[in-house]
C-alpha atoms as a PDB file:
ATOM      1  CA  MET A   1      -4.481   4.043  -5.280  1.00  0.00           C
ATOM      2  CA  ALA A   2      -3.370   7.451  -4.026  1.00  0.00           C
ATOM      3  CA  LEU A   3       0.139   7.666  -2.601  1.00  0.00           C
ATOM      4  CA  LEU A   4      -1.071   9.860   0.270  1.00  0.00           C
ATOM      5  CA  GLU A   5      -4.649  10.201   1.495  1.00  0.00           C
ATOM      6  CA  VAL A   6      -5.755  12.752   4.089  1.00  0.00           C
ATOM      7  CA  SER A   7      -9.316  12.344   5.373  1.00  0.00           C
ATOM      8  CA  GLY A   8     -11.270  14.601   7.742  1.00  0.00           C
ATOM      9  CA  LEU A   9      -8.123  16.056   9.292  1.00  0.00           C
ATOM     10  CA  CYS A  10      -8.839  18.457  12.168  1.00  0.00           C
ATOM     11  CA  LYS A  11      -6.629  20.255  14.673  1.00  0.00           C
ATOM     12  CA  ASP A  12      -7.892  22.358  17.562  1.00  0.00           C
ATOM     13  CA  PHE A  13      -5.693  24.455  19.820  1.00  0.00           C
ATOM     14  CA  GLY A  14      -8.011  25.122  22.723  1.00  0.00           C
ATOM     15  CA  GLY A  15     -10.951  26.967  21.211  1.00  0.00           C
ATOM     16  CA  LEU A  16      -9.125  27.708  17.954  1.00  0.00           C
ATOM     17  CA  HIS A  17      -9.961  25.491  14.976  1.00  0.00           C
ATOM     18  CA  ALA A  18      -6.632  25.571  13.163  1.00  0.00           C
ATOM     19  CA  ILE A  19      -7.560  22.886  10.606  1.00  0.00           C
ATOM     20  CA  SER A  20     -11.155  21.886   9.914  1.00  0.00           C
ATOM     21  CA  ASP A  21     -12.156  18.682   8.123  1.00  0.00           C
ATOM     22  CA  LEU A  22      -9.354  18.725   5.551  1.00  0.00           C
ATOM     23  CA  SER A  23      -9.399  15.951   2.952  1.00  0.00           C
ATOM     24  CA  PHE A  24      -7.264  15.499  -0.154  1.00  0.00           C
ATOM     25  CA  GLN A  25      -5.287  12.905  -2.070  1.00  0.00           C
ATOM     26  CA  LEU A  26      -1.762  13.093  -3.446  1.00  0.00           C
ATOM     27  CA  GLN A  27      -1.002  11.011  -6.514  1.00  0.00           C
ATOM     28  CA  HIS A  28       2.317   9.427  -7.493  1.00  0.00           C
ATOM     29  CA  GLY A  29       4.532  11.889  -9.370  1.00  0.00           C
ATOM     30  CA  GLU A  30       2.406  14.919  -8.588  1.00  0.00           C
ATOM     31  CA  ILE A  31       3.581  18.388  -7.587  1.00  0.00           C
ATOM     32  CA  LEU A  32       0.892  19.748  -5.277  1.00  0.00           C
ATOM     33  CA  GLY A  33       0.953  23.376  -4.184  1.00  0.00           C
ATOM     34  CA  LEU A  34      -0.562  24.320  -0.825  1.00  0.00           C
ATOM     35  CA  ILE A  35      -1.287  28.029  -0.580  1.00  0.00           C
ATOM     36  CA  GLY A  36      -3.281  30.471   1.513  1.00  0.00           C
ATOM     37  CA  PRO A  37      -2.966  33.746   3.430  1.00  0.00           C
ATOM     38  CA  ASN A  38      -0.720  33.979   6.482  1.00  0.00           C
ATOM     39  CA  GLY A  39      -2.221  31.960   9.323  1.00  0.00           C
ATOM     40  CA  ALA A  40      -4.311  29.794   6.993  1.00  0.00           C
ATOM     41  CA  GLY A  41      -2.888  26.590   8.504  1.00  0.00           C
ATOM     42  CA  LYS A  42      -0.455  25.475   5.815  1.00  0.00           C
ATOM     43  CA  THR A  43       2.515  24.665   8.050  1.00  0.00           C
ATOM     44  CA  THR A  44       0.135  23.112  10.578  1.00  0.00           C
ATOM     45  CA  VAL A  45      -0.933  20.660   7.866  1.00  0.00           C
ATOM     46  CA  PHE A  46       2.720  19.774   7.277  1.00  0.00           C
ATOM     47  CA  ASN A  47       3.246  19.298  11.028  1.00  0.00           C
ATOM     48  CA  LEU A  48       0.189  17.052  11.314  1.00  0.00           C
ATOM     49  CA  ILE A  49       1.114  14.797   8.413  1.00  0.00           C
ATOM     50  CA  THR A  50       4.799  14.497   9.355  1.00  0.00           C
ATOM     51  CA  GLY A  51       4.124  13.655  13.003  1.00  0.00           C
ATOM     52  CA  PHE A  52       5.309  16.856  14.697  1.00  0.00           C
ATOM     53  CA  ILE A  53       1.887  17.440  16.248  1.00  0.00           C
ATOM     54  CA  PRO A  54      -1.056  15.022  16.674  1.00  0.00           C
ATOM     55  CA  PRO A  55      -4.391  15.725  14.978  1.00  0.00           C
ATOM     56  CA  THR A  56      -7.568  16.211  16.970  1.00  0.00           C
ATOM     57  CA  SER A  57      -9.273  13.850  14.531  1.00  0.00           C
ATOM     58  CA  GLY A  58      -8.941  12.495  11.027  1.00  0.00           C
ATOM     59  CA  GLU A  59      -6.728  10.023   9.198  1.00  0.00           C
ATOM     60  CA  VAL A  60      -3.493  10.144   7.196  1.00  0.00           C
ATOM     61  CA  LEU A  61      -2.602   7.175   5.009  1.00  0.00           C
ATOM     62  CA  LEU A  62       0.648   6.607   3.146  1.00  0.00           C
ATOM     63  CA  GLU A  63       0.203   3.792   0.630  1.00  0.00           C
ATOM     64  CA  ALA A  64      -2.943   2.776   2.557  1.00  0.00           C
ATOM     65  CA  GLN A  65      -1.030   2.543   5.872  1.00  0.00           C
ATOM     66  CA  SER A  66      -1.880   4.915   8.728  1.00  0.00           C
ATOM     67  CA  LEU A  67       0.723   7.426   9.906  1.00  0.00           C
ATOM     68  CA  LEU A  68      -1.239   8.499  12.981  1.00  0.00           C
ATOM     69  CA  GLY A  69       0.648   8.179  16.247  1.00  0.00           C
ATOM     70  CA  LEU A  70       4.047   7.863  14.575  1.00  0.00           C
ATOM     71  CA  LYS A  71       6.936  10.074  15.632  1.00  0.00           C
ATOM     72  CA  PRO A  72       8.610  12.229  12.955  1.00  0.00           C
ATOM     73  CA  SER A  73      11.555   9.806  12.792  1.00  0.00           C
ATOM     74  CA  ALA A  74       9.183   6.934  12.015  1.00  0.00           C
ATOM     75  CA  VAL A  75       7.355   8.994   9.398  1.00  0.00           C
ATOM     76  CA  VAL A  76      10.687   9.684   7.679  1.00  0.00           C
ATOM     77  CA  LYS A  77      11.459   5.967   7.630  1.00  0.00           C
ATOM     78  CA  ARG A  78       8.079   5.341   6.003  1.00  0.00           C
ATOM     79  CA  GLY A  79       9.068   7.690   3.186  1.00  0.00           C
ATOM     80  CA  ILE A  80       8.037  11.271   3.971  1.00  0.00           C
ATOM     81  CA  ALA A  81      10.740  13.918   4.377  1.00  0.00           C
ATOM     82  CA  ARG A  82      10.333  17.648   4.879  1.00  0.00           C
ATOM     83  CA  THR A  83      12.121  20.963   4.947  1.00  0.00           C
ATOM     84  CA  PHE A  84      11.330  23.878   7.234  1.00  0.00           C
ATOM     85  CA  GLN A  85      10.361  27.466   6.558  1.00  0.00           C
ATOM     86  CA  ILE A  86      13.294  28.614   8.712  1.00  0.00           C
ATOM     87  CA  VAL A  87      16.413  26.707   7.685  1.00  0.00           C
ATOM     88  CA  LYS A  88      17.873  24.606  10.487  1.00  0.00           C
ATOM     89  CA  PRO A  89      21.275  23.224   9.442  1.00  0.00           C
ATOM     90  CA  PHE A  90      23.872  22.029  11.912  1.00  0.00           C
ATOM     91  CA  ARG A  91      25.758  25.277  11.563  1.00  0.00           C
ATOM     92  CA  ASN A  92      29.097  24.089  12.936  1.00  0.00           C
ATOM     93  CA  LEU A  93      29.218  21.013  10.695  1.00  0.00           C
ATOM     94  CA  SER A  94      30.257  20.950   7.078  1.00  0.00           C
ATOM     95  CA  VAL A  95      27.758  20.709   4.253  1.00  0.00           C
ATOM     96  CA  LEU A  96      28.828  17.103   3.654  1.00  0.00           C
ATOM     97  CA  GLU A  97      28.471  16.218   7.341  1.00  0.00           C
ATOM     98  CA  ASN A  98      24.976  17.712   7.444  1.00  0.00           C
ATOM     99  CA  VAL A  99      23.765  15.525   4.582  1.00  0.00           C
ATOM    100  CA  THR A 100      25.712  12.443   5.701  1.00  0.00           C
ATOM    101  CA  LEU A 101      23.788  12.453   8.983  1.00  0.00           C
ATOM    102  CA  ALA A 102      20.543  12.214   7.035  1.00  0.00           C
ATOM    103  CA  ALA A 103      21.926   9.483   4.777  1.00  0.00           C
ATOM    104  CA  PHE A 104      22.617   7.283   7.827  1.00  0.00           C
ATOM    105  CA  LEU A 105      18.862   6.603   7.911  1.00  0.00           C
ATOM    106  CA  HIS A 106      19.368   3.975   5.194  1.00  0.00           C
ATOM    107  CA  GLU A 107      23.155   3.570   4.993  1.00  0.00           C
ATOM    108  CA  ALA A 108      24.867   1.831   7.903  1.00  0.00           C
ATOM    109  CA  SER A 109      28.491   2.584   7.030  1.00  0.00           C
ATOM    110  CA  ARG A 110      30.062   6.033   6.944  1.00  0.00           C
ATOM    111  CA  PRO A 111      31.655   5.578   3.480  1.00  0.00           C
ATOM    112  CA  ARG A 112      28.302   4.584   1.956  1.00  0.00           C
ATOM    113  CA  ALA A 113      26.513   7.402   3.772  1.00  0.00           C
ATOM    114  CA  GLU A 114      29.087   9.940   2.573  1.00  0.00           C
ATOM    115  CA  ALA A 115      28.830   8.622  -0.988  1.00  0.00           C
ATOM    116  CA  LYS A 116      25.056   9.012  -0.868  1.00  0.00           C
ATOM    117  CA  ALA A 117      25.489  12.503   0.594  1.00  0.00           C
ATOM    118  CA  MET A 118      27.852  13.567  -2.193  1.00  0.00           C
ATOM    119  CA  GLU A 119      25.449  12.195  -4.803  1.00  0.00           C
ATOM    120  CA  THR A 120      22.644  14.205  -3.222  1.00  0.00           C
ATOM    121  CA  LEU A 121      24.748  17.364  -3.012  1.00  0.00           C
ATOM    122  CA  ALA A 122      25.462  17.035  -6.721  1.00  0.00           C
ATOM    123  CA  ARG A 123      21.705  16.853  -7.359  1.00  0.00           C
ATOM    124  CA  VAL A 124      21.206  20.258  -5.633  1.00  0.00           C
ATOM    125  CA  GLN A 125      24.428  21.754  -7.066  1.00  0.00           C
ATOM    126  CA  LEU A 126      26.234  21.991  -3.728  1.00  0.00           C
ATOM    127  CA  HIS A 127      28.951  19.359  -4.292  1.00  0.00           C
ATOM    128  CA  ASN A 128      31.571  22.109  -4.665  1.00  0.00           C
ATOM    129  CA  LYS A 129      30.636  23.371  -1.163  1.00  0.00           C
ATOM    130  CA  SER A 130      30.865  20.004   0.601  1.00  0.00           C
ATOM    131  CA  ALA A 131      33.735  21.080   2.898  1.00  0.00           C
ATOM    132  CA  VAL A 132      32.232  24.475   3.767  1.00  0.00           C
ATOM    133  CA  ASN A 133      30.577  25.006   7.147  1.00  0.00           C
ATOM    134  CA  ALA A 134      26.793  25.248   6.817  1.00  0.00           C
ATOM    135  CA  ALA A 135      26.866  28.597   8.637  1.00  0.00           C
ATOM    136  CA  ASP A 136      28.925  30.103   5.819  1.00  0.00           C
ATOM    137  CA  LEU A 137      26.414  29.364   3.057  1.00  0.00           C
ATOM    138  CA  THR A 138      24.159  32.003   1.553  1.00  0.00           C
ATOM    139  CA  LEU A 139      20.423  31.761   2.258  1.00  0.00           C
ATOM    140  CA  GLY A 140      19.820  30.246  -1.175  1.00  0.00           C
ATOM    141  CA  GLU A 141      22.516  27.649  -0.559  1.00  0.00           C
ATOM    142  CA  GLN A 142      21.116  26.866   2.898  1.00  0.00           C
ATOM    143  CA  LYS A 143      17.696  26.296   1.294  1.00  0.00           C
ATOM    144  CA  ARG A 144      19.295  23.805  -1.086  1.00  0.00           C
ATOM    145  CA  LEU A 145      21.111  22.167   1.828  1.00  0.00           C
ATOM    146  CA  GLU A 146      17.749  21.684   3.565  1.00  0.00           C
ATOM    147  CA  ILE A 147      16.444  19.972   0.445  1.00  0.00           C
ATOM    148  CA  ALA A 148      19.582  17.822   0.192  1.00  0.00           C
ATOM    149  CA  ARG A 149      19.211  16.625   3.774  1.00  0.00           C
ATOM    150  CA  ALA A 150      15.620  15.641   3.080  1.00  0.00           C
ATOM    151  CA  LEU A 151      16.525  13.911  -0.188  1.00  0.00           C
ATOM    152  CA  ALA A 152      19.285  11.925   1.518  1.00  0.00           C
ATOM    153  CA  THR A 153      16.603  10.061   3.493  1.00  0.00           C
ATOM    154  CA  GLN A 154      15.358   8.647   0.148  1.00  0.00           C
ATOM    155  CA  PRO A 155      11.767   9.866   0.451  1.00  0.00           C
ATOM    156  CA  LYS A 156       8.735   8.869  -1.570  1.00  0.00           C
ATOM    157  CA  ILE A 157       7.179  12.267  -0.820  1.00  0.00           C
ATOM    158  CA  LEU A 158       9.069  15.505  -0.217  1.00  0.00           C
ATOM    159  CA  PHE A 159       7.341  18.255   1.775  1.00  0.00           C
ATOM    160  CA  LEU A 160       8.848  21.683   1.026  1.00  0.00           C
ATOM    161  CA  ASP A 161       7.934  24.568   3.345  1.00  0.00           C
ATOM    162  CA  GLU A 162       8.577  27.865   1.518  1.00  0.00           C
ATOM    163  CA  PRO A 163      11.683  26.724  -0.392  1.00  0.00           C
ATOM    164  CA  MET A 164      11.749  30.029  -2.285  1.00  0.00           C
ATOM    165  CA  GLY A 165      11.198  32.400   0.641  1.00  0.00           C
ATOM    166  CA  GLY A 166      13.744  35.218   0.698  1.00  0.00           C
ATOM    167  CA  LEU A 167      15.350  34.268  -2.616  1.00  0.00           C
ATOM    168  CA  ASN A 168      16.102  36.652  -5.472  1.00  0.00           C
ATOM    169  CA  PRO A 169      14.469  36.131  -8.905  1.00  0.00           C
ATOM    170  CA  ALA A 170      17.379  34.127 -10.315  1.00  0.00           C
ATOM    171  CA  GLU A 171      17.416  31.882  -7.249  1.00  0.00           C
ATOM    172  CA  VAL A 172      13.644  31.401  -7.483  1.00  0.00           C
ATOM    173  CA  GLU A 173      14.012  30.296 -11.093  1.00  0.00           C
ATOM    174  CA  ASN A 174      16.745  27.834 -10.114  1.00  0.00           C
ATOM    175  CA  ALA A 175      14.605  26.528  -7.248  1.00  0.00           C
ATOM    176  CA  CYS A 176      11.704  25.910  -9.631  1.00  0.00           C
ATOM    177  CA  GLY A 177      14.012  23.958 -11.909  1.00  0.00           C
ATOM    178  CA  LEU A 178      15.277  21.889  -8.992  1.00  0.00           C
ATOM    179  CA  VAL A 179      11.734  21.009  -7.894  1.00  0.00           C
ATOM    180  CA  ARG A 180      10.912  19.821 -11.407  1.00  0.00           C
ATOM    181  CA  GLU A 181      14.111  17.736 -11.537  1.00  0.00           C
ATOM    182  CA  ILE A 182      13.311  16.094  -8.202  1.00  0.00           C
ATOM    183  CA  ARG A 183       9.884  15.139  -9.512  1.00  0.00           C
ATOM    184  CA  GLN A 184      11.531  13.669 -12.608  1.00  0.00           C
ATOM    185  CA  ASP A 185      13.622  11.519 -10.262  1.00  0.00           C
ATOM    186  CA  GLY A 186      10.364   9.863  -9.171  1.00  0.00           C
ATOM    187  CA  ILE A 187       9.720  11.802  -5.963  1.00  0.00           C
ATOM    188  CA  THR A 188       6.261  13.206  -5.320  1.00  0.00           C
ATOM    189  CA  ILE A 189       6.212  16.776  -3.980  1.00  0.00           C
ATOM    190  CA  ILE A 190       3.900  18.946  -1.903  1.00  0.00           C
ATOM    191  CA  LEU A 191       5.024  22.484  -1.230  1.00  0.00           C
ATOM    192  CA  VAL A 192       3.911  25.548   0.675  1.00  0.00           C
ATOM    193  CA  GLU A 193       4.966  28.749  -1.022  1.00  0.00           C
ATOM    194  CA  HIS A 194       3.998  32.434  -1.070  1.00  0.00           C
ATOM    195  CA  HIS A 195       5.738  33.086  -4.374  1.00  0.00           C
ATOM    196  CA  MET A 196       2.548  32.796  -6.406  1.00  0.00           C
ATOM    197  CA  LYS A 197       4.051  33.022  -9.886  1.00  0.00           C
ATOM    198  CA  ALA A 198       6.461  30.201  -9.092  1.00  0.00           C
ATOM    199  CA  ILE A 199       3.981  27.869  -7.434  1.00  0.00           C
ATOM    200  CA  MET A 200       1.447  28.314 -10.219  1.00  0.00           C
ATOM    201  CA  ALA A 201       4.138  27.556 -12.796  1.00  0.00           C
ATOM    202  CA  ILE A 202       5.409  24.301 -11.279  1.00  0.00           C
ATOM    203  CA  SER A 203       2.334  22.783  -9.598  1.00  0.00           C
ATOM    204  CA  ASN A 204       0.099  20.223 -11.291  1.00  0.00           C
ATOM    205  CA  ARG A 205      -2.611  21.027  -8.763  1.00  0.00           C
ATOM    206  CA  VAL A 206      -3.152  23.650  -6.080  1.00  0.00           C
ATOM    207  CA  ILE A 207      -5.054  23.496  -2.788  1.00  0.00           C
ATOM    208  CA  VAL A 208      -6.032  26.761  -1.115  1.00  0.00           C
ATOM    209  CA  LEU A 209      -6.569  27.037   2.644  1.00  0.00           C
ATOM    210  CA  HIS A 210      -8.297  29.918   4.401  1.00  0.00           C
ATOM    211  CA  ASN A 211      -8.743  29.915   8.193  1.00  0.00           C
ATOM    212  CA  GLY A 212      -7.956  26.199   8.233  1.00  0.00           C
ATOM    213  CA  ILE A 213     -10.618  25.322   5.652  1.00  0.00           C
ATOM    214  CA  LYS A 214     -10.001  24.092   2.115  1.00  0.00           C
ATOM    215  CA  ILE A 215     -11.686  26.582  -0.223  1.00  0.00           C
ATOM    216  CA  ALA A 216     -10.286  25.394  -3.563  1.00  0.00           C
ATOM    217  CA  ASP A 217      -8.598  22.340  -5.073  1.00  0.00           C
ATOM    218  CA  GLY A 218      -7.785  22.176  -8.756  1.00  0.00           C
ATOM    219  CA  ALA A 219      -5.567  23.118 -11.658  1.00  0.00           C
ATOM    220  CA  PRO A 220      -3.624  26.376 -11.140  1.00  0.00           C
ATOM    221  CA  ARG A 221      -5.421  28.128 -14.025  1.00  0.00           C
ATOM    222  CA  ASP A 222      -8.784  27.378 -12.390  1.00  0.00           C
ATOM    223  CA  VAL A 223      -7.737  28.251  -8.853  1.00  0.00           C
ATOM    224  CA  VAL A 224      -6.493  31.741  -9.763  1.00  0.00           C
ATOM    225  CA  ARG A 225      -9.927  32.557 -11.220  1.00  0.00           C
ATOM    226  CA  ASN A 226     -11.848  31.219  -8.217  1.00  0.00           C
ATOM    227  CA  ARG A 227     -13.827  34.095  -6.671  1.00  0.00           C
ATOM    228  CA  GLU A 228     -13.511  32.711  -3.131  1.00  0.00           C
ATOM    229  CA  VAL A 229      -9.734  32.470  -3.522  1.00  0.00           C
ATOM    230  CA  ILE A 230      -9.511  36.035  -4.822  1.00  0.00           C
ATOM    231  CA  THR A 231     -11.568  37.265  -1.879  1.00  0.00           C
ATOM    232  CA  ALA A 232      -9.401  35.361   0.642  1.00  0.00           C
ATOM    233  CA  TYR A 233      -6.232  36.986  -0.699  1.00  0.00           C
ATOM    234  CA  LEU A 234      -7.506  40.471  -1.541  1.00  0.00           C
ATOM    235  CA  GLY A 235     -10.372  41.016   0.908  1.00  0.00           C
ATOM    236  CA  LYS A 236     -14.070  41.674   0.482  1.00  0.00           C
ATOM    237  CA  ARG A 237     -13.459  44.441  -2.072  1.00  0.00           C
ATOM    238  CA  ALA A 238     -12.502  41.736  -4.565  1.00  0.00           C
ATOM    239  CA  ALA A 239     -15.822  39.923  -4.172  1.00  0.00           C
END
């Protein structure tokens, strides 16, 4: 049984078909890359699955249980956590406080929540910054803080929205390593990313969206040779 199953997912904004009849499955332990040109609908897919916006039609099942109609907080409790393309830490709180707030989802006491937060910060190599205000972190560190906050909710699936955006090559390499380590911890991952070399290197499978329509779904080596994918990224001259 698939961990996550999306069937016939559609989203219309007035006369605009943002997502059209999207179906895919996510297996336990998989790293799934979701790519496409700007405006293809990638973040909209994340918003639909995680409860931030309702679909026009379709179904989303987590372990065969529907997520439709649930608020984002309820989706997180079911086991899906996400990061955002634009980092959104509580800037006036410390790094530890930011992650502790997320850990309260499953830990009732502050000492247990803080212990879980410190464990999670160690996983993303931010434990030495626990007392620093989130606003004083570099962009790369804030990206890792976003991931730590999501991990502190103890997810089954982690949705990463451009975790490598704006990072330098060394930071991208470190981010790739972190994604692999999180998967080794037993967490399934789906990520949106424009850094093509990175996403092709770490993904088991890649889905390509273009104008809200799935145009490819397969192994990275096959997707990069797909003529329709090449055309979507490079224009008609590539056809």
